[in-house]
């Protein structure tokens, strides 16, 4: 039986744990919060992250990383928020060089590291021994944990560079309700997954302001153009953004009640302050930090991203959302690209 270690016992980590366990994998989960660990072990539930979802009792969950990772681990899954990815990988890396059985590493985070501007697979590679870097993959696409955990049909993209690793991970994750496609475009898949969170914040703002379907349609279309523009500038295949990790993830995150980034935007549109919104949330909205990183990256690379710029100004310069929309709508007229 394949042994998998999941680093991070939040909603996505637990949803994937249930998925893999259902697929016949022996699953171990590391979660730093001892209260959550105790709750799952005692009741079978985590009411904070996945209310109403029973965690399979065959899954072993612990707050001690040594209980989770062993020389027998074949699959390592990183299910932590992007801003703690480096620290999480740093904690486990000392256990990995002795591991001769590791066949795949799967990143589930969607974000860009502040300061370095590195994608998550690059952060992971930066922290791991070089002999493991070819095994790094990223799983992305329209896949809310709340729905995956309830066996709702979902399709995603797995990106990586090694064909054998991709085939191995694809087979382990796929079943009758979770279908995995593969891609060699790691850059496009990761930028698609990260930047769509910014556009999702904008979608929430539009909803909070009480605007209409026309506005949302315009946002998603022009938002996708921004994602593609930056991705291509940085070396991705433009067709990637027509797929699951591009337009698929963008639409789902922008319209879904499960989206934490959309929630942040909705509250901003209603007039709430960012600090108050974030303090009220128990889960992480990746798009807030990602907005800062992508704004800086677009500035450095001289890539036009007007929606991202206005979201940045709303988040960090306290710009009024209605003024931001006015400024977007009254820019110099141009040919559609």
C-alpha atoms as a PDB file:
ATOM      1  CA  UNK A   1       0.000   0.000   0.000  1.00  0.00           C
ATOM      2  CA  UNK A   2       1.306   3.464  -0.959  1.00  0.00           C
ATOM      3  CA  UNK A   3       2.166   5.667   2.025  1.00  0.00           C
ATOM      4  CA  UNK A   4       1.430   9.394   1.769  1.00  0.00           C
ATOM      5  CA  UNK A   5       2.355  12.222   4.133  1.00  0.00           C
ATOM      6  CA  UNK A   6       0.270  15.402   4.023  1.00  0.00           C
ATOM      7  CA  UNK A   7       1.794  18.527   5.558  1.00  0.00           C
ATOM      8  CA  UNK A   8      -1.134  20.709   6.607  1.00  0.00           C
ATOM      9  CA  UNK A   9      -4.438  19.559   8.067  1.00  0.00           C
ATOM     10  CA  UNK A  10      -6.661  22.415   6.931  1.00  0.00           C
ATOM     11  CA  UNK A  11      -9.672  22.049   4.652  1.00  0.00           C
ATOM     12  CA  UNK A  12      -7.668  21.111   1.546  1.00  0.00           C
ATOM     13  CA  UNK A  13      -5.279  18.822   3.378  1.00  0.00           C
ATOM     14  CA  UNK A  14      -8.159  16.921   4.989  1.00  0.00           C
ATOM     15  CA  UNK A  15     -10.149  16.756   1.760  1.00  0.00           C
ATOM     16  CA  UNK A  16      -7.152  15.276  -0.063  1.00  0.00           C
ATOM     17  CA  UNK A  17      -6.534  12.894   2.851  1.00  0.00           C
ATOM     18  CA  UNK A  18     -10.077  11.546   2.484  1.00  0.00           C
ATOM     19  CA  UNK A  19      -9.656  11.347  -1.300  1.00  0.00           C
ATOM     20  CA  UNK A  20      -6.412   9.373  -1.140  1.00  0.00           C
ATOM     21  CA  UNK A  21      -7.657   7.127   1.649  1.00  0.00           C
ATOM     22  CA  UNK A  22     -10.694   6.301  -0.493  1.00  0.00           C
ATOM     23  CA  UNK A  23      -8.237   5.428  -3.280  1.00  0.00           C
ATOM     24  CA  UNK A  24      -6.464   2.870  -1.098  1.00  0.00           C
ATOM     25  CA  UNK A  25      -3.525   5.007   0.037  1.00  0.00           C
ATOM     26  CA  UNK A  26      -2.223   4.850   3.624  1.00  0.00           C
ATOM     27  CA  UNK A  27      -2.448   8.493   4.710  1.00  0.00           C
ATOM     28  CA  UNK A  28      -0.654  10.394   7.473  1.00  0.00           C
ATOM     29  CA  UNK A  29      -1.428  14.081   8.152  1.00  0.00           C
ATOM     30  CA  UNK A  30       0.686  16.619  10.034  1.00  0.00           C
ATOM     31  CA  UNK A  31      -1.221  19.575  11.508  1.00  0.00           C
ATOM     32  CA  UNK A  32       0.506  22.126  13.749  1.00  0.00           C
ATOM     33  CA  UNK A  33      -2.662  23.052  15.666  1.00  0.00           C
ATOM     34  CA  UNK A  34      -2.926  20.518  18.471  1.00  0.00           C
ATOM     35  CA  UNK A  35      -6.569  21.395  19.171  1.00  0.00           C
ATOM     36  CA  UNK A  36      -7.569  20.499  15.609  1.00  0.00           C
ATOM     37  CA  UNK A  37      -5.595  17.257  15.828  1.00  0.00           C
ATOM     38  CA  UNK A  38      -7.296  16.342  19.086  1.00  0.00           C
ATOM     39  CA  UNK A  39     -10.738  17.156  17.692  1.00  0.00           C
ATOM     40  CA  UNK A  40     -10.295  14.989  14.594  1.00  0.00           C
ATOM     41  CA  UNK A  41      -8.868  12.103  16.614  1.00  0.00           C
ATOM     42  CA  UNK A  42     -11.655  12.355  19.187  1.00  0.00           C
ATOM     43  CA  UNK A  43     -14.704  13.053  16.996  1.00  0.00           C
ATOM     44  CA  UNK A  44     -13.685  12.383  13.388  1.00  0.00           C
ATOM     45  CA  UNK A  45     -14.511  15.969  12.428  1.00  0.00           C
ATOM     46  CA  UNK A  46     -12.867  19.355  12.064  1.00  0.00           C
ATOM     47  CA  UNK A  47     -15.794  21.709  12.522  1.00  0.00           C
ATOM     48  CA  UNK A  48     -13.697  24.780  11.688  1.00  0.00           C
ATOM     49  CA  UNK A  49     -12.349  23.726   8.288  1.00  0.00           C
ATOM     50  CA  UNK A  50     -14.744  21.047   7.023  1.00  0.00           C
ATOM     51  CA  UNK A  51     -17.963  21.153   9.045  1.00  0.00           C
ATOM     52  CA  UNK A  52     -20.139  18.100   8.528  1.00  0.00           C
ATOM     53  CA  UNK A  53     -17.427  16.074   6.749  1.00  0.00           C
ATOM     54  CA  UNK A  54     -16.354  12.853   8.468  1.00  0.00           C
ATOM     55  CA  UNK A  55     -12.599  12.261   8.299  1.00  0.00           C
ATOM     56  CA  UNK A  56     -11.897   8.615   7.523  1.00  0.00           C
ATOM     57  CA  UNK A  57     -10.752   6.875  10.713  1.00  0.00           C
ATOM     58  CA  UNK A  58      -7.987   5.085   8.810  1.00  0.00           C
ATOM     59  CA  UNK A  59      -6.169   8.432   8.421  1.00  0.00           C
ATOM     60  CA  UNK A  60      -3.467   9.058  11.026  1.00  0.00           C
ATOM     61  CA  UNK A  61      -3.245  12.715  12.061  1.00  0.00           C
ATOM     62  CA  UNK A  62      -0.606  14.120  14.396  1.00  0.00           C
ATOM     63  CA  UNK A  63       1.046  17.394  15.443  1.00  0.00           C
ATOM     64  CA  UNK A  64       4.454  15.663  15.410  1.00  0.00           C
ATOM     65  CA  UNK A  65       6.079  15.587  11.981  1.00  0.00           C
ATOM     66  CA  UNK A  66       8.104  12.500  12.903  1.00  0.00           C
ATOM     67  CA  UNK A  67       4.832  10.584  13.256  1.00  0.00           C
ATOM     68  CA  UNK A  68       3.884  11.499   9.701  1.00  0.00           C
ATOM     69  CA  UNK A  69       7.063  11.318   7.602  1.00  0.00           C
ATOM     70  CA  UNK A  70       9.163   8.166   7.500  1.00  0.00           C
ATOM     71  CA  UNK A  71      11.650   6.412   5.170  1.00  0.00           C
ATOM     72  CA  UNK A  72       8.612   4.499   3.873  1.00  0.00           C
ATOM     73  CA  UNK A  73       6.808   7.628   2.632  1.00  0.00           C
ATOM     74  CA  UNK A  74       6.290   7.500  -1.139  1.00  0.00           C
ATOM     75  CA  UNK A  75       4.146  10.604  -1.652  1.00  0.00           C
ATOM     76  CA  UNK A  76       4.619  14.005   0.030  1.00  0.00           C
ATOM     77  CA  UNK A  77       1.755  16.513  -0.213  1.00  0.00           C
ATOM     78  CA  UNK A  78       2.208  20.147   0.809  1.00  0.00           C
ATOM     79  CA  UNK A  79      -1.165  21.584   1.831  1.00  0.00           C
ATOM     80  CA  UNK A  80      -0.159  24.738   3.703  1.00  0.00           C
ATOM     81  CA  UNK A  81      -0.834  28.397   2.781  1.00  0.00           C
ATOM     82  CA  UNK A  82       1.712  29.956   0.452  1.00  0.00           C
ATOM     83  CA  UNK A  83       3.111  32.386   3.046  1.00  0.00           C
ATOM     84  CA  UNK A  84       4.219  29.504   5.309  1.00  0.00           C
ATOM     85  CA  UNK A  85       5.318  27.115   2.551  1.00  0.00           C
ATOM     86  CA  UNK A  86       9.035  27.797   2.967  1.00  0.00           C
ATOM     87  CA  UNK A  87       8.922  27.255   6.730  1.00  0.00           C
ATOM     88  CA  UNK A  88       6.894  24.065   6.334  1.00  0.00           C
ATOM     89  CA  UNK A  89       9.281  22.543   3.787  1.00  0.00           C
ATOM     90  CA  UNK A  90      12.241  23.634   5.908  1.00  0.00           C
ATOM     91  CA  UNK A  91      10.800  21.655   8.827  1.00  0.00           C
ATOM     92  CA  UNK A  92      10.463  18.426   6.878  1.00  0.00           C
ATOM     93  CA  UNK A  93      13.522  18.555   4.635  1.00  0.00           C
ATOM     94  CA  UNK A  94      15.885  17.004   7.177  1.00  0.00           C
ATOM     95  CA  UNK A  95      13.751  13.855   7.093  1.00  0.00           C
ATOM     96  CA  UNK A  96      13.782  13.577   3.301  1.00  0.00           C
ATOM     97  CA  UNK A  97      17.410  12.884   2.221  1.00  0.00           C
ATOM     98  CA  UNK A  98      17.223   9.491   3.945  1.00  0.00           C
ATOM     99  CA  UNK A  99      14.027   8.717   2.084  1.00  0.00           C
ATOM    100  CA  UNK A 100      14.793   6.407  -0.819  1.00  0.00           C
ATOM    101  CA  UNK A 101      11.150   5.620  -1.605  1.00  0.00           C
ATOM    102  CA  UNK A 102       9.776   9.101  -2.291  1.00  0.00           C
ATOM    103  CA  UNK A 103       8.209   9.094  -5.759  1.00  0.00           C
ATOM    104  CA  UNK A 104       6.257  12.331  -5.848  1.00  0.00           C
ATOM    105  CA  UNK A 105       5.889  15.741  -4.169  1.00  0.00           C
ATOM    106  CA  UNK A 106       2.611  17.607  -4.674  1.00  0.00           C
ATOM    107  CA  UNK A 107       2.164  21.315  -3.943  1.00  0.00           C
ATOM    108  CA  UNK A 108      -1.442  22.385  -3.355  1.00  0.00           C
ATOM    109  CA  UNK A 109      -0.834  26.062  -2.468  1.00  0.00           C
ATOM    110  CA  UNK A 110      -1.794  28.861  -4.864  1.00  0.00           C
ATOM    111  CA  UNK A 111       0.309  31.939  -4.315  1.00  0.00           C
ATOM    112  CA  UNK A 112       3.550  33.827  -4.928  1.00  0.00           C
ATOM    113  CA  UNK A 113       6.120  34.248  -2.172  1.00  0.00           C
ATOM    114  CA  UNK A 114       6.473  37.839  -0.988  1.00  0.00           C
ATOM    115  CA  UNK A 115       9.902  39.333  -1.456  1.00  0.00           C
ATOM    116  CA  UNK A 116      11.371  36.620  -3.666  1.00  0.00           C
ATOM    117  CA  UNK A 117       8.429  36.565  -6.146  1.00  0.00           C
ATOM    118  CA  UNK A 118       8.944  32.813  -6.446  1.00  0.00           C
ATOM    119  CA  UNK A 119       6.180  30.419  -7.440  1.00  0.00           C
ATOM    120  CA  UNK A 120       5.381  27.696  -4.918  1.00  0.00           C
ATOM    121  CA  UNK A 121       7.207  24.937  -6.803  1.00  0.00           C
ATOM    122  CA  UNK A 122      10.274  27.186  -6.867  1.00  0.00           C
ATOM    123  CA  UNK A 123      10.021  27.775  -3.112  1.00  0.00           C
ATOM    124  CA  UNK A 124       9.801  24.018  -2.538  1.00  0.00           C
ATOM    125  CA  UNK A 125      12.765  23.365  -4.845  1.00  0.00           C
ATOM    126  CA  UNK A 126      14.742  26.078  -3.069  1.00  0.00           C
ATOM    127  CA  UNK A 127      14.375  24.236   0.247  1.00  0.00           C
ATOM    128  CA  UNK A 128      14.744  20.602  -0.826  1.00  0.00           C
ATOM    129  CA  UNK A 129      17.802  18.532  -1.771  1.00  0.00           C
ATOM    130  CA  UNK A 130      18.480  18.792  -5.502  1.00  0.00           C
ATOM    131  CA  UNK A 131      17.883  15.079  -6.072  1.00  0.00           C
ATOM    132  CA  UNK A 132      14.208  15.552  -5.175  1.00  0.00           C
ATOM    133  CA  UNK A 133      13.431  18.569  -7.368  1.00  0.00           C
ATOM    134  CA  UNK A 134      12.343  16.554 -10.416  1.00  0.00           C
ATOM    135  CA  UNK A 135       9.625  14.986  -8.277  1.00  0.00           C
ATOM    136  CA  UNK A 136       7.908  18.324  -7.530  1.00  0.00           C
ATOM    137  CA  UNK A 137       4.438  18.848  -9.026  1.00  0.00           C
ATOM    138  CA  UNK A 138       1.623  21.362  -8.563  1.00  0.00           C
ATOM    139  CA  UNK A 139      -2.070  20.444  -8.456  1.00  0.00           C
ATOM    140  CA  UNK A 140      -4.406  23.261  -9.456  1.00  0.00           C
ATOM    141  CA  UNK A 141      -7.818  23.942 -10.935  1.00  0.00           C
ATOM    142  CA  UNK A 142     -11.453  24.539  -9.906  1.00  0.00           C
ATOM    143  CA  UNK A 143     -11.424  22.474  -6.723  1.00  0.00           C
ATOM    144  CA  UNK A 144     -12.965  23.834  -3.538  1.00  0.00           C
ATOM    145  CA  UNK A 145     -12.111  21.524  -0.657  1.00  0.00           C
ATOM    146  CA  UNK A 146     -15.675  21.728   0.638  1.00  0.00           C
ATOM    147  CA  UNK A 147     -16.923  20.036  -2.545  1.00  0.00           C
ATOM    148  CA  UNK A 148     -14.080  17.567  -3.055  1.00  0.00           C
ATOM    149  CA  UNK A 149     -14.669  16.366   0.515  1.00  0.00           C
ATOM    150  CA  UNK A 150     -18.289  15.636  -0.405  1.00  0.00           C
ATOM    151  CA  UNK A 151     -17.361  13.629  -3.529  1.00  0.00           C
ATOM    152  CA  UNK A 152     -18.686  16.257  -5.969  1.00  0.00           C
ATOM    153  CA  UNK A 153     -17.228  15.649  -9.474  1.00  0.00           C
ATOM    154  CA  UNK A 154     -14.077  17.745  -9.887  1.00  0.00           C
ATOM    155  CA  UNK A 155     -11.380  18.030 -12.563  1.00  0.00           C
ATOM    156  CA  UNK A 156      -7.922  19.506 -12.024  1.00  0.00           C
ATOM    157  CA  UNK A 157      -4.517  19.905 -13.677  1.00  0.00           C
ATOM    158  CA  UNK A 158      -1.281  18.408 -12.355  1.00  0.00           C
ATOM    159  CA  UNK A 159       1.822  20.233 -13.612  1.00  0.00           C
ATOM    160  CA  UNK A 160       5.378  18.975 -13.506  1.00  0.00           C
ATOM    161  CA  UNK A 161       8.470  18.224 -15.554  1.00  0.00           C
ATOM    162  CA  UNK A 162       8.996  14.492 -15.074  1.00  0.00           C
ATOM    163  CA  UNK A 163       6.616  12.250 -17.035  1.00  0.00           C
ATOM    164  CA  UNK A 164       7.007   9.283 -14.694  1.00  0.00           C
ATOM    165  CA  UNK A 165       6.217  11.401 -11.629  1.00  0.00           C
ATOM    166  CA  UNK A 166       3.198  12.981 -13.307  1.00  0.00           C
ATOM    167  CA  UNK A 167       1.780   9.584 -14.281  1.00  0.00           C
ATOM    168  CA  UNK A 168       2.353   8.217 -10.768  1.00  0.00           C
ATOM    169  CA  UNK A 169       0.601  11.105  -8.993  1.00  0.00           C
ATOM    170  CA  UNK A 170      -2.182  11.290 -11.586  1.00  0.00           C
ATOM    171  CA  UNK A 171      -3.034   7.646 -11.005  1.00  0.00           C
ATOM    172  CA  UNK A 172      -3.019   7.950  -7.204  1.00  0.00           C
ATOM    173  CA  UNK A 173      -5.361  10.952  -7.137  1.00  0.00           C
ATOM    174  CA  UNK A 174      -7.853  10.008  -9.836  1.00  0.00           C
ATOM    175  CA  UNK A 175     -11.153   8.233  -9.202  1.00  0.00           C
ATOM    176  CA  UNK A 176     -14.810   8.387 -10.208  1.00  0.00           C
ATOM    177  CA  UNK A 177     -15.336  11.893  -8.775  1.00  0.00           C
ATOM    178  CA  UNK A 178     -11.816  13.401  -9.053  1.00  0.00           C
ATOM    179  CA  UNK A 179     -10.241  13.503 -12.517  1.00  0.00           C
ATOM    180  CA  UNK A 180      -6.639  14.662 -13.029  1.00  0.00           C
ATOM    181  CA  UNK A 181      -5.143  15.950 -16.276  1.00  0.00           C
ATOM    182  CA  UNK A 182      -1.410  16.576 -16.650  1.00  0.00           C
ATOM    183  CA  UNK A 183       0.590  19.505 -18.001  1.00  0.00           C
ATOM    184  CA  UNK A 184       4.244  20.389 -18.504  1.00  0.00           C
ATOM    185  CA  UNK A 185       3.544  24.117 -18.110  1.00  0.00           C
ATOM    186  CA  UNK A 186       4.341  24.630 -14.428  1.00  0.00           C
ATOM    187  CA  UNK A 187       4.663  28.405 -14.896  1.00  0.00           C
ATOM    188  CA  UNK A 188       1.222  28.806 -16.454  1.00  0.00           C
ATOM    189  CA  UNK A 189      -0.547  26.484 -14.041  1.00  0.00           C
ATOM    190  CA  UNK A 190       0.925  28.200 -10.988  1.00  0.00           C
ATOM    191  CA  UNK A 191       0.367  31.763 -12.181  1.00  0.00           C
ATOM    192  CA  UNK A 192      -3.190  30.904 -13.205  1.00  0.00           C
ATOM    193  CA  UNK A 193      -3.911  29.507  -9.759  1.00  0.00           C
ATOM    194  CA  UNK A 194      -2.351  32.462  -7.968  1.00  0.00           C
ATOM    195  CA  UNK A 195      -3.618  35.446  -9.938  1.00  0.00           C
ATOM    196  CA  UNK A 196      -7.219  34.245 -10.165  1.00  0.00           C
ATOM    197  CA  UNK A 197      -7.442  34.919  -6.418  1.00  0.00           C
ATOM    198  CA  UNK A 198      -6.867  38.616  -7.125  1.00  0.00           C
ATOM    199  CA  UNK A 199      -9.647  38.629  -9.700  1.00  0.00           C
ATOM    200  CA  UNK A 200     -11.855  36.787  -7.215  1.00  0.00           C
ATOM    201  CA  UNK A 201     -11.374  39.618  -4.713  1.00  0.00           C
ATOM    202  CA  UNK A 202     -12.480  42.013  -7.458  1.00  0.00           C
ATOM    203  CA  UNK A 203     -15.535  39.822  -8.152  1.00  0.00           C
ATOM    204  CA  UNK A 204     -16.501  40.007  -4.490  1.00  0.00           C
ATOM    205  CA  UNK A 205     -16.150  43.781  -4.543  1.00  0.00           C
ATOM    206  CA  UNK A 206     -18.514  43.960  -7.518  1.00  0.00           C
ATOM    207  CA  UNK A 207     -21.052  41.804  -5.689  1.00  0.00           C
ATOM    208  CA  UNK A 208     -20.676  43.843  -2.503  1.00  0.00           C
ATOM    209  CA  UNK A 209     -21.341  47.033  -4.439  1.00  0.00           C
ATOM    210  CA  UNK A 210     -24.525  45.523  -5.884  1.00  0.00           C
ATOM    211  CA  UNK A 211     -23.388  45.738  -9.509  1.00  0.00           C
ATOM    212  CA  UNK A 212     -24.526  43.375 -12.247  1.00  0.00           C
ATOM    213  CA  UNK A 213     -23.761  40.396 -14.456  1.00  0.00           C
ATOM    214  CA  UNK A 214     -22.374  42.639 -17.178  1.00  0.00           C
ATOM    215  CA  UNK A 215     -19.701  43.827 -14.774  1.00  0.00           C
ATOM    216  CA  UNK A 216     -18.780  40.311 -13.661  1.00  0.00           C
ATOM    217  CA  UNK A 217     -18.564  39.137 -17.279  1.00  0.00           C
ATOM    218  CA  UNK A 218     -16.263  42.029 -18.120  1.00  0.00           C
ATOM    219  CA  UNK A 219     -14.137  41.381 -15.033  1.00  0.00           C
ATOM    220  CA  UNK A 220     -13.588  37.690 -15.747  1.00  0.00           C
ATOM    221  CA  UNK A 221     -12.761  38.310 -19.406  1.00  0.00           C
ATOM    222  CA  UNK A 222     -10.351  41.153 -18.818  1.00  0.00           C
ATOM    223  CA  UNK A 223      -9.003  39.474 -15.697  1.00  0.00           C
ATOM    224  CA  UNK A 224      -8.086  36.438 -17.762  1.00  0.00           C
ATOM    225  CA  UNK A 225      -6.333  38.732 -20.227  1.00  0.00           C
ATOM    226  CA  UNK A 226      -4.183  40.076 -17.370  1.00  0.00           C
ATOM    227  CA  UNK A 227      -3.329  36.596 -16.134  1.00  0.00           C
ATOM    228  CA  UNK A 228      -2.321  35.506 -19.629  1.00  0.00           C
ATOM    229  CA  UNK A 229      -0.350  38.687 -20.264  1.00  0.00           C
ATOM    230  CA  UNK A 230       1.888  38.246 -17.234  1.00  0.00           C
ATOM    231  CA  UNK A 231       2.145  34.478 -17.620  1.00  0.00           C
ATOM    232  CA  UNK A 232       3.313  34.702 -21.230  1.00  0.00           C
ATOM    233  CA  UNK A 233       5.810  37.416 -20.296  1.00  0.00           C
ATOM    234  CA  UNK A 234       7.314  34.997 -17.771  1.00  0.00           C
ATOM    235  CA  UNK A 235       7.481  32.028 -20.138  1.00  0.00           C
ATOM    236  CA  UNK A 236       4.182  30.143 -19.930  1.00  0.00           C
ATOM    237  CA  UNK A 237       2.153  28.667 -22.774  1.00  0.00           C
ATOM    238  CA  UNK A 238      -0.808  30.996 -23.510  1.00  0.00           C
ATOM    239  CA  UNK A 239      -3.119  28.029 -24.144  1.00  0.00           C
ATOM    240  CA  UNK A 240      -2.705  26.902 -20.516  1.00  0.00           C
ATOM    241  CA  UNK A 241      -4.966  29.761 -19.428  1.00  0.00           C
ATOM    242  CA  UNK A 242      -7.814  28.369 -21.519  1.00  0.00           C
ATOM    243  CA  UNK A 243      -7.815  25.255 -19.334  1.00  0.00           C
ATOM    244  CA  UNK A 244      -8.735  24.116 -15.851  1.00  0.00           C
ATOM    245  CA  UNK A 245      -5.946  25.968 -14.039  1.00  0.00           C
ATOM    246  CA  UNK A 246      -6.770  29.149 -15.951  1.00  0.00           C
ATOM    247  CA  UNK A 247     -10.318  30.047 -16.889  1.00  0.00           C
ATOM    248  CA  UNK A 248     -11.767  27.041 -15.032  1.00  0.00           C
ATOM    249  CA  UNK A 249     -10.302  28.029 -11.681  1.00  0.00           C
ATOM    250  CA  UNK A 250     -10.964  31.715 -12.329  1.00  0.00           C
ATOM    251  CA  UNK A 251     -14.701  31.270 -12.929  1.00  0.00           C
ATOM    252  CA  UNK A 252     -15.181  28.902 -10.008  1.00  0.00           C
ATOM    253  CA  UNK A 253     -13.341  31.059  -7.484  1.00  0.00           C
ATOM    254  CA  UNK A 254     -14.965  34.286  -8.624  1.00  0.00           C
ATOM    255  CA  UNK A 255     -18.556  33.053  -8.322  1.00  0.00           C
ATOM    256  CA  UNK A 256     -18.412  30.512  -5.495  1.00  0.00           C
ATOM    257  CA  UNK A 257     -19.827  30.893  -1.996  1.00  0.00           C
ATOM    258  CA  UNK A 258     -16.844  28.832  -0.810  1.00  0.00           C
ATOM    259  CA  UNK A 259     -14.270  31.373  -2.024  1.00  0.00           C
ATOM    260  CA  UNK A 260     -12.460  33.114   0.813  1.00  0.00           C
ATOM    261  CA  UNK A 261     -11.016  35.676  -1.599  1.00  0.00           C
ATOM    262  CA  UNK A 262     -14.446  36.532  -2.955  1.00  0.00           C
ATOM    263  CA  UNK A 263     -15.622  36.933   0.652  1.00  0.00           C
ATOM    264  CA  UNK A 264     -12.860  39.461   1.331  1.00  0.00           C
ATOM    265  CA  UNK A 265     -13.868  41.421  -1.746  1.00  0.00           C
ATOM    266  CA  UNK A 266     -17.561  41.277  -0.878  1.00  0.00           C
ATOM    267  CA  UNK A 267     -16.904  42.721   2.577  1.00  0.00           C
ATOM    268  CA  UNK A 268     -14.725  45.460   1.055  1.00  0.00           C
ATOM    269  CA  UNK A 269     -17.535  46.301  -1.348  1.00  0.00           C
ATOM    270  CA  UNK A 270     -19.854  46.601   1.645  1.00  0.00           C
ATOM    271  CA  UNK A 271     -17.523  49.154   3.191  1.00  0.00           C
ATOM    272  CA  UNK A 272     -15.637  46.998   5.703  1.00  0.00           C
ATOM    273  CA  UNK A 273     -11.940  47.568   6.380  1.00  0.00           C
ATOM    274  CA  UNK A 274      -9.385  44.960   5.335  1.00  0.00           C
ATOM    275  CA  UNK A 275      -7.883  44.476   8.801  1.00  0.00           C
ATOM    276  CA  UNK A 276     -11.301  43.855  10.319  1.00  0.00           C
ATOM    277  CA  UNK A 277     -12.208  41.373   7.577  1.00  0.00           C
ATOM    278  CA  UNK A 278      -9.016  39.357   7.969  1.00  0.00           C
ATOM    279  CA  UNK A 279      -9.333  39.296  11.769  1.00  0.00           C
ATOM    280  CA  UNK A 280     -12.813  37.797  11.421  1.00  0.00           C
ATOM    281  CA  UNK A 281     -11.586  34.907   9.245  1.00  0.00           C
ATOM    282  CA  UNK A 282     -10.264  31.582  10.523  1.00  0.00           C
ATOM    283  CA  UNK A 283      -8.962  30.521   7.099  1.00  0.00           C
ATOM    284  CA  UNK A 284      -6.469  32.257   4.807  1.00  0.00           C
ATOM    285  CA  UNK A 285      -7.420  34.329   1.764  1.00  0.00           C
ATOM    286  CA  UNK A 286      -4.333  33.793  -0.404  1.00  0.00           C
ATOM    287  CA  UNK A 287      -5.236  36.612  -2.770  1.00  0.00           C
ATOM    288  CA  UNK A 288      -4.451  39.414  -0.326  1.00  0.00           C
ATOM    289  CA  UNK A 289      -0.728  38.645  -0.119  1.00  0.00           C
ATOM    290  CA  UNK A 290      -0.675  37.549  -3.760  1.00  0.00           C
ATOM    291  CA  UNK A 291      -1.990  40.953  -4.844  1.00  0.00           C
ATOM    292  CA  UNK A 292       1.041  42.623  -3.311  1.00  0.00           C
ATOM    293  CA  UNK A 293       3.473  40.197  -4.971  1.00  0.00           C
ATOM    294  CA  UNK A 294       1.838  40.263  -8.413  1.00  0.00           C
ATOM    295  CA  UNK A 295       1.532  44.051  -8.395  1.00  0.00           C
ATOM    296  CA  UNK A 296       5.255  44.282  -7.699  1.00  0.00           C
ATOM    297  CA  UNK A 297       6.089  41.646 -10.292  1.00  0.00           C
ATOM    298  CA  UNK A 298       3.967  43.343 -12.964  1.00  0.00           C
ATOM    299  CA  UNK A 299       5.631  46.657 -12.169  1.00  0.00           C
ATOM    300  CA  UNK A 300       9.098  45.124 -12.387  1.00  0.00           C
ATOM    301  CA  UNK A 301       8.314  43.399 -15.697  1.00  0.00           C
ATOM    302  CA  UNK A 302       6.444  46.398 -17.132  1.00  0.00           C
ATOM    303  CA  UNK A 303       3.265  44.359 -17.713  1.00  0.00           C
ATOM    304  CA  UNK A 304      -0.060  46.207 -17.801  1.00  0.00           C
ATOM    305  CA  UNK A 305      -2.442  44.766 -15.167  1.00  0.00           C
ATOM    306  CA  UNK A 306      -5.016  47.492 -14.461  1.00  0.00           C
ATOM    307  CA  UNK A 307      -7.457  45.302 -12.497  1.00  0.00           C
ATOM    308  CA  UNK A 308      -4.672  43.999 -10.277  1.00  0.00           C
ATOM    309  CA  UNK A 309      -3.470  47.567  -9.780  1.00  0.00           C
ATOM    310  CA  UNK A 310      -6.889  48.740  -8.633  1.00  0.00           C
ATOM    311  CA  UNK A 311      -7.322  45.765  -6.282  1.00  0.00           C
ATOM    312  CA  UNK A 312      -3.890  46.604  -4.855  1.00  0.00           C
ATOM    313  CA  UNK A 313      -4.950  50.223  -4.317  1.00  0.00           C
ATOM    314  CA  UNK A 314      -8.175  49.165  -2.600  1.00  0.00           C
ATOM    315  CA  UNK A 315      -6.385  46.688  -0.324  1.00  0.00           C
ATOM    316  CA  UNK A 316      -3.290  48.661   0.579  1.00  0.00           C
ATOM    317  CA  UNK A 317      -3.987  52.323  -0.232  1.00  0.00           C
ATOM    318  CA  UNK A 318      -7.562  52.448   1.075  1.00  0.00           C
ATOM    319  CA  UNK A 319      -8.939  53.480  -2.307  1.00  0.00           C
ATOM    320  CA  UNK A 320     -12.702  53.647  -2.596  1.00  0.00           C
ATOM    321  CA  UNK A 321     -13.935  50.673  -4.707  1.00  0.00           C
ATOM    322  CA  UNK A 322     -16.332  52.846  -6.718  1.00  0.00           C
ATOM    323  CA  UNK A 323     -13.513  55.196  -7.596  1.00  0.00           C
ATOM    324  CA  UNK A 324     -11.408  52.206  -8.660  1.00  0.00           C
ATOM    325  CA  UNK A 325     -14.149  50.995 -11.007  1.00  0.00           C
ATOM    326  CA  UNK A 326     -14.581  54.508 -12.416  1.00  0.00           C
ATOM    327  CA  UNK A 327     -10.860  54.707 -13.106  1.00  0.00           C
ATOM    328  CA  UNK A 328     -10.890  51.331 -14.860  1.00  0.00           C
ATOM    329  CA  UNK A 329     -13.839  52.276 -17.038  1.00  0.00           C
ATOM    330  CA  UNK A 330     -12.462  55.669 -18.087  1.00  0.00           C
ATOM    331  CA  UNK A 331      -8.948  54.606 -19.086  1.00  0.00           C
ATOM    332  CA  UNK A 332      -7.724  55.408 -22.598  1.00  0.00           C
ATOM    333  CA  UNK A 333      -9.667  53.391 -25.180  1.00  0.00           C
ATOM    334  CA  UNK A 334      -7.831  50.557 -26.927  1.00  0.00           C
ATOM    335  CA  UNK A 335      -8.126  47.502 -29.160  1.00  0.00           C
ATOM    336  CA  UNK A 336      -9.148  44.331 -27.292  1.00  0.00           C
ATOM    337  CA  UNK A 337      -6.205  42.022 -26.699  1.00  0.00           C
END
